[in-house]
Amino acid sequence: MKVVRAVVWWALCGALFGTWAGALVARTWVPWFNTPSAGVIAQCACEPLTLSTISHTISTELIGMICGAVLFVSLSLVMGAGRTKAEPPKAATPPAAPA
């Protein structure tokens, strides 16, 4: 159970990290993606553009969250999260001498 808890913890941390990374990427990628090509005059319809921008931002964060979760689960498995070191068996005590 300890291994599962450790892997889930790493997955949640990775998902959070991936969401932050996705948000940082979306700051530059979404405006670039929505910029008209050279020579085109931008006369935008604001509602569809806003909905599209929100959709792209959320999808980018979702992709980042999934990638981060997969990356951190992989790291937790490689690093051996939750594993305990095996203790050597204790020496058997000799039986008590008869009285």
C-alpha atoms as a PDB file:
ATOM      1  CA  MET A   1       0.000   0.000   0.000  1.00  0.00           C
ATOM      2  CA  LYS A   2       2.923   2.288   0.725  1.00  0.00           C
ATOM      3  CA  VAL A   3       4.179   1.910  -2.865  1.00  0.00           C
ATOM      4  CA  VAL A   4       0.773   2.783  -4.310  1.00  0.00           C
ATOM      5  CA  ARG A   5       0.531   5.832  -2.071  1.00  0.00           C
ATOM      6  CA  ALA A   6       3.997   6.993  -3.110  1.00  0.00           C
ATOM      7  CA  VAL A   7       3.271   6.510  -6.826  1.00  0.00           C
ATOM      8  CA  VAL A   8      -0.054   8.348  -6.555  1.00  0.00           C
ATOM      9  CA  TRP A   9       1.689  11.191  -4.705  1.00  0.00           C
ATOM     10  CA  TRP A  10       4.299  11.454  -7.462  1.00  0.00           C
ATOM     11  CA  ALA A  11       1.538  11.363 -10.106  1.00  0.00           C
ATOM     12  CA  LEU A  12      -0.318  14.226  -8.442  1.00  0.00           C
ATOM     13  CA  CYS A  13       2.856  16.283  -8.089  1.00  0.00           C
ATOM     14  CA  GLY A  14       3.671  15.599 -11.727  1.00  0.00           C
ATOM     15  CA  ALA A  15       0.175  16.560 -12.803  1.00  0.00           C
ATOM     16  CA  LEU A  16       0.471  19.847 -10.948  1.00  0.00           C
ATOM     17  CA  PHE A  17       3.912  20.509 -12.412  1.00  0.00           C
ATOM     18  CA  GLY A  18       2.624  19.641 -15.900  1.00  0.00           C
ATOM     19  CA  THR A  19      -0.313  22.007 -15.482  1.00  0.00           C
ATOM     20  CA  TRP A  20       2.028  24.844 -14.553  1.00  0.00           C
ATOM     21  CA  ALA A  21       4.307  24.019 -17.472  1.00  0.00           C
ATOM     22  CA  GLY A  22       1.302  23.899 -19.815  1.00  0.00           C
ATOM     23  CA  ALA A  23       0.145  27.283 -18.583  1.00  0.00           C
ATOM     24  CA  LEU A  24       3.591  28.759 -19.213  1.00  0.00           C
ATOM     25  CA  VAL A  25       3.707  27.284 -22.723  1.00  0.00           C
ATOM     26  CA  ALA A  26       0.147  28.459 -23.434  1.00  0.00           C
ATOM     27  CA  ARG A  27       1.133  32.064 -22.670  1.00  0.00           C
ATOM     28  CA  THR A  28       3.340  32.143 -25.762  1.00  0.00           C
ATOM     29  CA  TRP A  29       1.818  29.437 -27.930  1.00  0.00           C
ATOM     30  CA  VAL A  30      -1.855  30.482 -27.908  1.00  0.00           C
ATOM     31  CA  PRO A  31      -1.269  34.083 -29.071  1.00  0.00           C
ATOM     32  CA  TRP A  32       1.143  32.858 -31.757  1.00  0.00           C
ATOM     33  CA  PHE A  33      -1.381  30.241 -32.893  1.00  0.00           C
ATOM     34  CA  ASN A  34      -4.175  32.837 -33.155  1.00  0.00           C
ATOM     35  CA  THR A  35      -2.107  35.510 -34.927  1.00  0.00           C
ATOM     36  CA  PRO A  36      -3.153  36.017 -38.553  1.00  0.00           C
ATOM     37  CA  SER A  37      -0.549  35.370 -41.196  1.00  0.00           C
ATOM     38  CA  ALA A  38       1.427  38.211 -42.799  1.00  0.00           C
ATOM     39  CA  GLY A  39      -0.575  40.695 -44.826  1.00  0.00           C
ATOM     40  CA  VAL A  40      -3.928  39.754 -43.291  1.00  0.00           C
ATOM     41  CA  ILE A  41      -5.873  42.496 -41.515  1.00  0.00           C
ATOM     42  CA  ALA A  42      -7.222  41.274 -38.197  1.00  0.00           C
ATOM     43  CA  GLN A  43     -10.915  42.021 -37.936  1.00  0.00           C
ATOM     44  CA  CYS A  44     -11.743  39.498 -35.267  1.00  0.00           C
ATOM     45  CA  ALA A  45     -15.048  38.183 -34.070  1.00  0.00           C
ATOM     46  CA  CYS A  46     -14.342  38.307 -30.353  1.00  0.00           C
ATOM     47  CA  GLU A  47     -16.640  35.575 -29.080  1.00  0.00           C
ATOM     48  CA  PRO A  48     -15.357  32.705 -31.251  1.00  0.00           C
ATOM     49  CA  LEU A  49     -11.777  33.885 -30.752  1.00  0.00           C
ATOM     50  CA  THR A  50     -12.217  33.943 -26.982  1.00  0.00           C
ATOM     51  CA  LEU A  51     -13.815  30.505 -26.934  1.00  0.00           C
ATOM     52  CA  SER A  52     -11.054  29.164 -29.155  1.00  0.00           C
ATOM     53  CA  THR A  53      -8.347  30.692 -26.972  1.00  0.00           C
ATOM     54  CA  ILE A  54      -9.871  29.255 -23.812  1.00  0.00           C
ATOM     55  CA  SER A  55     -10.217  25.861 -25.473  1.00  0.00           C
ATOM     56  CA  HIS A  56      -6.593  25.864 -26.589  1.00  0.00           C
ATOM     57  CA  THR A  57      -5.383  26.982 -23.156  1.00  0.00           C
ATOM     58  CA  ILE A  58      -7.316  24.288 -21.325  1.00  0.00           C
ATOM     59  CA  SER A  59      -6.272  21.581 -23.775  1.00  0.00           C
ATOM     60  CA  THR A  60      -2.626  22.655 -23.448  1.00  0.00           C
ATOM     61  CA  GLU A  61      -2.878  22.475 -19.651  1.00  0.00           C
ATOM     62  CA  LEU A  62      -4.549  19.058 -19.876  1.00  0.00           C
ATOM     63  CA  ILE A  63      -1.761  17.745 -22.105  1.00  0.00           C
ATOM     64  CA  GLY A  64       0.810  19.196 -19.711  1.00  0.00           C
ATOM     65  CA  MET A  65      -0.944  17.616 -16.749  1.00  0.00           C
ATOM     66  CA  ILE A  66      -1.009  14.174 -18.381  1.00  0.00           C
ATOM     67  CA  CYS A  67       2.627  14.415 -19.507  1.00  0.00           C
ATOM     68  CA  GLY A  68       3.714  15.566 -16.054  1.00  0.00           C
ATOM     69  CA  ALA A  69       1.822  12.741 -14.346  1.00  0.00           C
ATOM     70  CA  VAL A  70       3.355  10.128 -16.650  1.00  0.00           C
ATOM     71  CA  LEU A  71       6.836  11.619 -16.205  1.00  0.00           C
ATOM     72  CA  PHE A  72       6.617  11.725 -12.414  1.00  0.00           C
ATOM     73  CA  VAL A  73       5.136   8.206 -12.179  1.00  0.00           C
ATOM     74  CA  SER A  74       8.064   7.000 -14.270  1.00  0.00           C
ATOM     75  CA  LEU A  75      10.484   8.871 -12.006  1.00  0.00           C
ATOM     76  CA  SER A  76       8.884   7.400  -8.897  1.00  0.00           C
ATOM     77  CA  LEU A  77       9.194   3.883 -10.270  1.00  0.00           C
ATOM     78  CA  VAL A  78      12.804   4.422 -11.344  1.00  0.00           C
ATOM     79  CA  MET A  79      13.778   6.012  -8.042  1.00  0.00           C
ATOM     80  CA  GLY A  80      12.053   3.262  -6.069  1.00  0.00           C
ATOM     81  CA  ALA A  81       9.547   5.411  -4.235  1.00  0.00           C
ATOM     82  CA  GLY A  82       7.902   3.603  -1.373  1.00  0.00           C
ATOM     83  CA  ARG A  83      10.308   0.701  -1.278  1.00  0.00           C
ATOM     84  CA  THR A  84      11.700  -0.238   2.080  1.00  0.00           C
ATOM     85  CA  LYS A  85      15.106  -1.716   2.568  1.00  0.00           C
ATOM     86  CA  ALA A  86      14.980  -5.370   3.452  1.00  0.00           C
ATOM     87  CA  GLU A  87      16.240  -6.025   6.931  1.00  0.00           C
ATOM     88  CA  PRO A  88      18.367  -9.102   7.490  1.00  0.00           C
ATOM     89  CA  PRO A  89      16.569 -11.844   9.385  1.00  0.00           C
ATOM     90  CA  LYS A  90      17.132 -11.798  13.109  1.00  0.00           C
ATOM     91  CA  ALA A  91      19.218 -14.572  14.566  1.00  0.00           C
ATOM     92  CA  ALA A  92      17.212 -17.248  16.252  1.00  0.00           C
ATOM     93  CA  THR A  93      17.489 -17.249  20.014  1.00  0.00           C
ATOM     94  CA  PRO A  94      18.551 -20.544  21.523  1.00  0.00           C
ATOM     95  CA  PRO A  95      15.865 -22.366  23.437  1.00  0.00           C
ATOM     96  CA  ALA A  96      15.807 -21.891  27.176  1.00  0.00           C
ATOM     97  CA  ALA A  97      17.702 -24.483  29.183  1.00  0.00           C
ATOM     98  CA  PRO A  98      15.494 -26.837  31.137  1.00  0.00           C
ATOM     99  CA  ALA A  99      15.468 -26.141  34.849  1.00  0.00           C
END
